């Protein structure tokens, strides 16, 4: 096989990623740039130099400044946000705070992220609520098909809809603003799992209009691992409690909402990931002259180009229009044999790509164990030659 240019050399210096690995899986856990990691180290050292001073005097102003910066980036009010370790935590906090009954229906889709689908299943099993699953088609031809699939499943009993903004398995960007508007017009609350959205798509939470929205900062925002957020509309904040009940539950303070008092301090932990979010926003926005807008567009174009390379080399068809993907795209391989557990529970072909070619890319058994979606990610450090290398590796492995 031909040699591969592993990284965009102009960007490679900012990441710790090993240069002998073709890393096409930014979407899984992100990759934090060295300057952001350095900022996190400084916060950790600040804490350890005088722990009491940091926790009791310095932490809250630092957290508030980080919240303000994040709020500006996603178009929210600073009083509408709290930090959480990840979007799954946010989904848990909302669903496990709300009251449901056997008279209620909880609406989601067949493309909901597995971890969050487990949460809604757990809540439904405990409360007797019925789960209704909208069948969003894939392959798909237009965003309107997403809207029709979901709206056709609502009923007078539908109390809440849990929807992805960007789907993990298929990479689809749902038309979330239109969906929220339609559901709100029917009196249905919306919980948006925006795990992949911050940094991949432009966000303005008031315009989206969701009742609840949670997202990750460690993926496309490139903050350290363990940084996410939960947005709750002000009129619903009293209902939402963190999974850990701590000092904020009976704090006598009146200068902050109970919502923030409870979520901001759930016990001793390392808050450096949260505090580093402003550095990640500023650093990633400085990489290209056009700032975040140019970065998002560059990554989108790279994902589109990478997908084109794969489908042409492998003789496949496109599964969705370009405008329905952001910085991730998938192709569908021929059906496998259903063997999904080998090393680490990964599909055999994913292990083969890693062991034989040092390519890190997810192969997702979806919608069932016999199907195989290869999901590529495109971050600013990736290059087109990496997708060409992946295509050649797949040709060799599949015997095409």
Protein backbone atom coordinates (compact mmCIF):
# COMPACT_ATOMS: atom_id res chain seq x y z
CA UNK A 1 0.00 0.00 0.00
CA UNK A 2 1.11 3.56 -0.63
CA UNK A 3 2.45 5.64 2.22
CA UNK A 4 0.08 7.99 3.99
CA UNK A 5 0.39 11.53 5.23
CA UNK A 6 -0.84 11.02 8.75
CA UNK A 7 -1.65 14.59 9.74
CA UNK A 8 -1.94 18.09 8.43
CA UNK A 9 1.57 19.21 9.37
CA UNK A 10 0.45 22.76 10.05
CA UNK A 11 -1.80 21.46 12.85
CA UNK A 12 -0.03 18.32 14.06
CA UNK A 13 2.18 20.21 16.52
CA UNK A 14 -0.85 21.10 18.65
CA UNK A 15 -1.91 17.51 19.46
CA UNK A 16 -0.31 14.62 21.31
CA UNK A 17 -1.75 12.08 18.87
CA UNK A 18 0.80 9.42 17.93
CA UNK A 19 2.12 10.09 14.47
CA UNK A 20 2.18 6.45 13.37
CA UNK A 21 -1.58 6.10 13.90
CA UNK A 22 -4.18 7.23 11.40
CA UNK A 23 -6.68 8.68 13.86
CA UNK A 24 -10.10 9.03 12.24
CA UNK A 25 -12.20 8.77 15.39
CA UNK A 26 -12.26 12.23 16.90
CA UNK A 27 -16.00 11.81 17.35
CA UNK A 28 -15.68 9.14 20.04
CA UNK A 29 -13.80 10.97 22.79
CA UNK A 30 -12.32 14.01 21.09
CA UNK A 31 -8.63 14.88 21.30
CA UNK A 32 -7.45 17.74 23.49
CA UNK A 33 -4.80 20.13 22.11
CA UNK A 34 -1.56 20.60 24.00
CA UNK A 35 -2.21 24.29 24.90
CA UNK A 36 -5.55 23.34 26.45
CA UNK A 37 -3.96 20.49 28.39
CA UNK A 38 -1.36 22.97 29.63
CA UNK A 39 -4.12 25.23 30.92
CA UNK A 40 -5.72 22.28 32.69
CA UNK A 41 -2.38 21.47 34.34
CA UNK A 42 -2.13 25.04 35.58
CA UNK A 43 -5.56 24.81 37.20
CA UNK A 44 -4.62 21.52 38.85
CA UNK A 45 -1.42 23.02 40.20
CA UNK A 46 -3.32 26.06 41.43
CA UNK A 47 -5.62 23.72 43.36
CA UNK A 48 -2.79 21.72 44.88
CA UNK A 49 -0.72 24.72 45.94
CA UNK A 50 -3.41 25.67 48.45
CA UNK A 51 -6.48 23.41 48.25
CA UNK A 52 -8.63 25.32 50.75
CA UNK A 53 -7.99 28.67 49.14
CA UNK A 54 -8.77 27.27 45.72
CA UNK A 55 -11.97 25.46 46.69
CA UNK A 56 -13.38 28.08 49.05
CA UNK A 57 -12.23 31.32 47.41
CA UNK A 58 -11.02 30.84 43.85
CA UNK A 59 -13.08 28.01 42.38
CA UNK A 60 -16.50 29.66 42.13
CA UNK A 61 -15.34 32.83 40.32
CA UNK A 62 -13.34 30.66 37.91
CA UNK A 63 -16.34 28.40 37.29
CA UNK A 64 -18.61 31.38 36.70
CA UNK A 65 -16.16 32.84 34.18
CA UNK A 66 -16.01 29.50 32.36
CA UNK A 67 -19.82 29.33 32.35
CA UNK A 68 -20.10 32.85 30.92
CA UNK A 69 -17.67 32.02 28.10
CA UNK A 70 -19.50 28.80 27.26
CA UNK A 71 -22.88 30.53 27.43
CA UNK A 72 -21.69 33.10 24.91
CA UNK A 73 -20.45 30.35 22.60
CA UNK A 74 -23.74 28.45 22.56
CA UNK A 75 -26.01 31.48 22.71
CA UNK A 76 -27.45 30.75 26.15
CA UNK A 77 -27.88 32.83 29.29
CA UNK A 78 -25.27 32.19 31.97
CA UNK A 79 -28.06 31.48 34.48
CA UNK A 80 -29.44 28.73 32.24
CA UNK A 81 -26.33 26.51 32.31
CA UNK A 82 -24.53 24.15 34.64
CA UNK A 83 -21.47 22.02 33.99
CA UNK A 84 -21.76 18.22 33.99
CA UNK A 85 -19.09 15.62 33.12
CA UNK A 86 -20.80 14.58 29.88
CA UNK A 87 -24.07 14.62 27.97
CA UNK A 88 -25.14 11.23 29.33
CA UNK A 89 -25.00 12.70 32.83
CA UNK A 90 -27.20 15.54 31.64
CA UNK A 91 -29.76 13.17 30.14
CA UNK A 92 -29.81 11.18 33.39
CA UNK A 93 -30.30 14.30 35.50
CA UNK A 94 -33.32 15.42 33.47
CA UNK A 95 -35.08 12.11 32.94
CA UNK A 96 -34.57 10.91 36.51
CA UNK A 97 -35.80 14.22 37.95
CA UNK A 98 -39.12 14.28 36.13
CA UNK A 99 -42.34 12.54 37.14
CA UNK A 100 -43.94 10.16 34.66
CA UNK A 101 -46.86 7.76 34.96
CA UNK A 102 -48.35 4.87 32.99
CA UNK A 103 -50.53 7.43 31.23
CA UNK A 104 -47.47 9.10 29.67
CA UNK A 105 -45.62 8.36 26.44
CA UNK A 106 -41.93 9.10 26.01
CA UNK A 107 -40.94 9.63 22.40
CA UNK A 108 -37.50 8.86 20.97
CA UNK A 109 -36.07 7.47 17.72
CA UNK A 110 -34.46 4.29 16.47
CA UNK A 111 -31.23 6.26 16.13
CA UNK A 112 -30.99 7.40 19.76
CA UNK A 113 -27.56 6.90 21.36
CA UNK A 114 -27.47 3.60 23.24
CA UNK A 115 -26.45 5.02 26.63
CA UNK A 116 -29.29 7.53 26.58
CA UNK A 117 -31.76 4.98 25.27
CA UNK A 118 -30.83 2.92 28.34
CA UNK A 119 -31.72 5.89 30.54
CA UNK A 120 -35.17 6.34 29.03
CA UNK A 121 -35.75 2.57 29.25
CA UNK A 122 -34.77 2.66 32.93
CA UNK A 123 -37.14 5.52 33.68
CA UNK A 124 -39.99 3.93 31.74
CA UNK A 125 -39.55 0.63 33.58
CA UNK A 126 -39.71 2.40 36.93
CA UNK A 127 -42.68 4.64 36.15
CA UNK A 128 -44.74 2.53 33.75
CA UNK A 129 -44.50 5.17 31.02
CA UNK A 130 -44.66 3.86 27.45
CA UNK A 131 -41.75 4.40 25.07
CA UNK A 132 -42.65 5.21 21.48
CA UNK A 133 -39.85 4.82 18.96
CA UNK A 134 -40.00 6.80 15.72
CA UNK A 135 -38.38 4.96 12.82
CA UNK A 136 -36.14 7.50 11.12
CA UNK A 137 -35.05 5.97 7.81
CA UNK A 138 -31.43 5.38 6.91
CA UNK A 139 -30.37 5.71 4.13
CA UNK A 140 -32.26 8.99 4.00
CA UNK A 141 -32.94 11.60 1.33
CA UNK A 142 -33.97 14.74 3.22
CA UNK A 143 -34.40 16.28 6.70
CA UNK A 144 -38.15 16.29 6.11
CA UNK A 145 -38.16 12.52 6.50
CA UNK A 146 -36.84 12.94 10.05
CA UNK A 147 -39.58 15.42 10.88
CA UNK A 148 -42.33 13.24 9.41
CA UNK A 149 -41.13 10.10 11.19
CA UNK A 150 -41.15 11.83 14.58
CA UNK A 151 -44.28 13.96 14.25
CA UNK A 152 -46.27 10.96 13.02
CA UNK A 153 -45.57 9.24 16.36
CA UNK A 154 -46.92 11.89 18.71
CA UNK A 155 -50.20 11.46 20.54
CA UNK A 156 -52.18 13.28 23.24
CA UNK A 157 -50.22 11.18 25.76
CA UNK A 158 -46.76 12.24 24.57
CA UNK A 159 -45.13 14.06 27.46
CA UNK A 160 -41.49 14.37 26.42
CA UNK A 161 -39.29 13.67 23.40
CA UNK A 162 -35.63 12.65 23.73
CA UNK A 163 -33.88 13.49 20.46
CA UNK A 164 -30.29 13.52 19.22
CA UNK A 165 -29.02 16.69 17.59
CA UNK A 166 -26.19 14.84 15.85
CA UNK A 167 -26.61 11.06 15.74
CA UNK A 168 -23.63 9.04 16.93
CA UNK A 169 -24.26 5.93 14.82
CA UNK A 170 -25.19 7.50 11.49
CA UNK A 171 -23.63 10.96 11.79
CA UNK A 172 -26.93 12.56 10.75
CA UNK A 173 -27.70 16.11 11.84
CA UNK A 174 -31.37 16.19 12.76
CA UNK A 175 -33.36 19.35 11.88
CA UNK A 176 -33.59 20.00 15.59
CA UNK A 177 -34.98 23.53 15.54
CA UNK A 178 -37.90 22.53 13.33
CA UNK A 179 -38.51 19.41 15.40
CA UNK A 180 -38.55 21.33 18.67
CA UNK A 181 -40.93 23.90 17.22
CA UNK A 182 -43.36 21.24 16.01
CA UNK A 183 -43.26 19.35 19.31
CA UNK A 184 -43.62 22.52 21.38
CA UNK A 185 -46.68 23.48 19.32
CA UNK A 186 -48.18 20.17 20.45
CA UNK A 187 -47.38 20.91 24.10
CA UNK A 188 -44.52 18.38 24.25
CA UNK A 189 -41.30 19.04 26.16
CA UNK A 190 -38.01 18.28 24.44
CA UNK A 191 -34.74 16.94 25.79
CA UNK A 192 -32.01 17.27 23.17
CA UNK A 193 -28.94 15.07 23.41
CA UNK A 194 -26.44 17.39 21.76
CA UNK A 195 -23.35 15.36 22.61
CA UNK A 196 -21.64 16.03 19.26
CA UNK A 197 -23.10 19.43 18.47
CA UNK A 198 -20.88 22.01 20.29
CA UNK A 199 -18.02 22.83 17.96
CA UNK A 200 -19.46 20.82 15.06
CA UNK A 201 -22.49 23.00 14.31
CA UNK A 202 -23.28 26.59 15.18
CA UNK A 203 -25.44 26.68 18.30
CA UNK A 204 -27.96 29.17 19.57
CA UNK A 205 -29.99 27.46 22.27
CA UNK A 206 -32.76 30.08 22.57
CA UNK A 207 -33.36 29.76 18.82
CA UNK A 208 -33.52 25.97 19.09
CA UNK A 209 -36.03 26.40 21.89
CA UNK A 210 -35.63 23.03 23.63
CA UNK A 211 -36.84 22.64 27.20
CA UNK A 212 -33.60 20.86 28.04
CA UNK A 213 -30.35 20.60 26.07
CA UNK A 214 -27.15 18.82 27.04
CA UNK A 215 -23.85 18.62 25.20
CA UNK A 216 -20.20 17.66 25.44
CA UNK A 217 -17.28 20.05 25.41
CA UNK A 218 -14.63 17.30 25.14
CA UNK A 219 -15.57 16.25 21.60
CA UNK A 220 -15.61 18.92 18.88
CA UNK A 221 -14.91 21.77 21.27
CA UNK A 222 -11.67 19.94 22.20
CA UNK A 223 -11.85 20.64 25.93
CA UNK A 224 -10.38 18.08 28.36
CA UNK A 225 -12.30 14.88 29.03
CA UNK A 226 -15.03 15.30 31.62
CA UNK A 227 -16.45 18.64 30.46
CA UNK A 228 -20.06 18.93 29.36
CA UNK A 229 -23.07 21.12 30.08
CA UNK A 230 -26.76 21.00 30.81
CA UNK A 231 -29.12 23.78 29.76
CA UNK A 232 -32.51 23.98 31.43
CA UNK A 233 -35.12 26.57 30.57
CA UNK A 234 -35.51 28.87 33.60
CA UNK A 235 -39.15 27.94 34.24
CA UNK A 236 -38.15 24.26 34.61
CA UNK A 237 -34.99 24.57 36.68
CA UNK A 238 -36.63 23.90 40.05
CA UNK A 239 -37.62 20.42 38.86
CA UNK A 240 -34.15 19.29 37.78
CA UNK A 241 -31.83 17.85 40.41
CA UNK A 242 -28.32 16.42 40.01
CA UNK A 243 -27.71 12.71 40.41
CA UNK A 244 -25.63 13.52 43.50
CA UNK A 245 -27.47 15.38 46.26
CA UNK A 246 -25.01 17.42 48.29
CA UNK A 247 -24.55 20.73 50.12
CA UNK A 248 -26.49 22.78 47.58
CA UNK A 249 -29.75 21.10 48.54
CA UNK A 250 -30.10 23.16 51.72
CA UNK A 251 -27.71 26.04 51.08
CA UNK A 252 -28.96 29.29 52.65
CA UNK A 253 -27.55 31.33 49.77
CA UNK A 254 -29.93 33.45 47.74
CA UNK A 255 -27.47 34.96 45.26
CA UNK A 256 -27.70 31.94 42.96
CA UNK A 257 -30.46 29.63 41.83
CA UNK A 258 -30.92 26.30 43.56
CA UNK A 259 -30.25 24.78 40.13
CA UNK A 260 -26.72 26.13 40.04
CA UNK A 261 -26.03 25.71 43.74
CA UNK A 262 -26.78 22.00 43.49
CA UNK A 263 -24.98 21.24 40.24
CA UNK A 264 -21.94 23.46 40.83
CA UNK A 265 -20.77 21.53 43.88
CA UNK A 266 -21.61 17.84 44.30
CA UNK A 267 -18.51 16.97 46.30
CA UNK A 268 -14.73 17.04 46.03
CA UNK A 269 -13.66 16.47 42.44
CA UNK A 270 -11.22 17.76 39.84
CA UNK A 271 -12.92 20.77 38.19
CA UNK A 272 -10.03 21.56 35.85
CA UNK A 273 -11.82 20.25 32.75
CA UNK A 274 -14.68 22.71 33.27
CA UNK A 275 -12.31 25.60 33.95
CA UNK A 276 -10.36 24.86 30.75
CA UNK A 277 -13.39 25.19 28.45
CA UNK A 278 -12.77 28.91 27.72
CA UNK A 279 -9.20 28.10 26.69
CA UNK A 280 -10.48 25.41 24.31
CA UNK A 281 -13.01 27.80 22.79
CA UNK A 282 -10.39 30.49 22.27
CA UNK A 283 -7.65 28.17 21.03
CA UNK A 284 -9.72 26.24 18.50
CA UNK A 285 -11.24 29.49 17.29
CA UNK A 286 -7.76 30.89 16.65
CA UNK A 287 -6.49 28.11 14.38
CA UNK A 288 -7.97 29.55 11.16
CA UNK A 289 -8.37 33.15 10.13
CA UNK A 290 -12.13 32.73 9.84
CA UNK A 291 -12.42 31.47 13.41
CA UNK A 292 -14.98 28.89 14.42
CA UNK A 293 -17.13 29.38 11.33
CA UNK A 294 -14.23 28.51 9.04
CA UNK A 295 -13.20 25.60 11.26
CA UNK A 296 -16.66 24.04 11.20
CA UNK A 297 -16.88 24.48 7.43
CA UNK A 298 -13.39 23.05 6.86
CA UNK A 299 -14.20 19.97 8.92
CA UNK A 300 -17.52 19.51 7.13
CA UNK A 301 -15.88 19.71 3.71
CA UNK A 302 -13.22 17.22 4.81
CA UNK A 303 -15.89 14.77 6.03
CA UNK A 304 -17.73 15.11 2.69
CA UNK A 305 -14.50 14.62 0.73
CA UNK A 306 -13.44 11.66 2.86
CA UNK A 307 -16.80 9.99 2.39
CA UNK A 308 -16.56 10.52 -1.37
CA UNK A 309 -13.15 8.84 -1.46
CA UNK A 310 -14.53 5.81 0.40
CA UNK A 311 -17.71 5.32 -1.62
CA UNK A 312 -15.90 5.68 -4.94
CA UNK A 313 -13.07 3.34 -3.98
CA UNK A 314 -15.41 0.72 -2.51
CA UNK A 315 -18.20 1.07 -5.08
CA UNK A 316 -20.81 2.14 -2.53
CA UNK A 317 -23.73 4.57 -2.51
CA UNK A 318 -24.14 7.72 -0.43
CA UNK A 319 -26.47 7.20 2.52
CA UNK A 320 -27.59 10.82 3.01
CA UNK A 321 -27.16 14.23 1.40
CA UNK A 322 -24.07 16.30 2.25
CA UNK A 323 -26.10 18.90 4.13
CA UNK A 324 -27.25 16.31 6.68
CA UNK A 325 -23.74 15.65 8.00
CA UNK A 326 -21.29 17.81 9.88
CA UNK A 327 -17.82 16.55 10.79
CA UNK A 328 -18.71 12.84 10.73
CA UNK A 329 -19.91 10.59 7.93
CA UNK A 330 -20.63 6.90 7.54
CA UNK A 331 -20.46 4.30 4.83
CA UNK A 332 -22.18 0.89 4.92
CA UNK A 333 -20.08 -2.20 4.33
CA UNK A 334 -21.52 -5.51 3.21
CA UNK A 335 -23.21 -7.44 6.00
CA UNK A 336 -20.97 -9.18 8.50
CA UNK A 337 -21.52 -12.47 10.26
CA UNK A 338 -22.88 -10.97 13.45
CA UNK A 339 -19.64 -11.53 15.38
CA UNK A 340 -19.26 -8.30 17.35
CA UNK A 341 -17.27 -9.43 20.38
CA UNK A 342 -13.61 -10.12 20.16
CA UNK A 343 -11.02 -7.85 21.69
CA UNK A 344 -12.69 -5.22 23.82
CA UNK A 345 -16.08 -6.06 22.31
CA UNK A 346 -15.12 -4.45 18.99
CA UNK A 347 -16.17 -5.78 15.56
CA UNK A 348 -13.48 -7.94 13.92
CA UNK A 349 -12.90 -5.58 11.02
CA UNK A 350 -12.29 -2.67 13.40
CA UNK A 351 -9.64 -4.72 15.17
CA UNK A 352 -8.11 -5.70 11.83
CA UNK A 353 -7.89 -2.06 10.75
CA UNK A 354 -6.09 -1.26 13.99
CA UNK A 355 -3.80 -4.29 14.17
CA UNK A 356 -2.78 -4.43 10.50
CA UNK A 357 -2.92 -0.81 9.43
CA UNK A 358 -2.83 1.26 12.63
CA UNK A 359 -6.10 2.94 11.63
CA UNK A 360 -8.35 4.08 14.46
CA UNK A 361 -11.89 4.25 13.11
CA UNK A 362 -15.14 2.86 14.54
CA UNK A 363 -17.09 0.10 12.81
CA UNK A 364 -20.60 0.27 14.24
CA UNK A 365 -22.96 -2.72 14.21
CA UNK A 366 -26.18 -0.82 13.41
CA UNK A 367 -29.13 -1.25 13.25
CA UNK A 368 -28.28 -4.84 14.19
CA UNK A 369 -25.22 -7.01 14.69
CA UNK A 370 -25.09 -8.10 11.05
CA UNK A 371 -24.76 -4.55 9.71
CA UNK A 372 -21.50 -2.58 9.60
CA UNK A 373 -21.22 1.19 9.41
CA UNK A 374 -17.76 2.74 9.19
CA UNK A 375 -17.85 6.22 10.72
CA UNK A 376 -15.12 8.68 9.82
CA UNK A 377 -14.46 11.90 11.69
CA UNK A 378 -12.84 15.04 10.33
CA UNK A 379 -10.98 17.38 12.64
CA UNK A 380 -8.60 20.10 11.57
CA UNK A 381 -5.56 17.85 12.03
CA UNK A 382 -6.84 15.25 9.53
CA UNK A 383 -5.85 15.11 5.86
CA UNK A 384 -7.51 13.67 2.76
CA UNK A 385 -4.73 11.13 2.33
CA UNK A 386 -5.83 9.45 5.57
CA UNK A 387 -9.22 8.58 4.09
CA UNK A 388 -7.50 7.32 0.95
CA UNK A 389 -5.36 5.09 3.16
CA UNK A 390 -8.48 3.82 4.95
CA UNK A 391 -10.13 3.10 1.60
CA UNK A 392 -7.11 1.08 0.44
CA UNK A 393 -7.07 -0.83 3.73
CA UNK A 394 -10.77 -1.70 3.42
CA UNK A 395 -10.28 -2.83 -0.17
CA UNK A 396 -7.55 -5.19 1.01
CA UNK A 397 -9.51 -6.50 4.00
CA UNK A 398 -12.74 -7.01 2.05
CA UNK A 399 -11.03 -8.50 -0.99
CA UNK A 400 -12.60 -6.01 -3.36
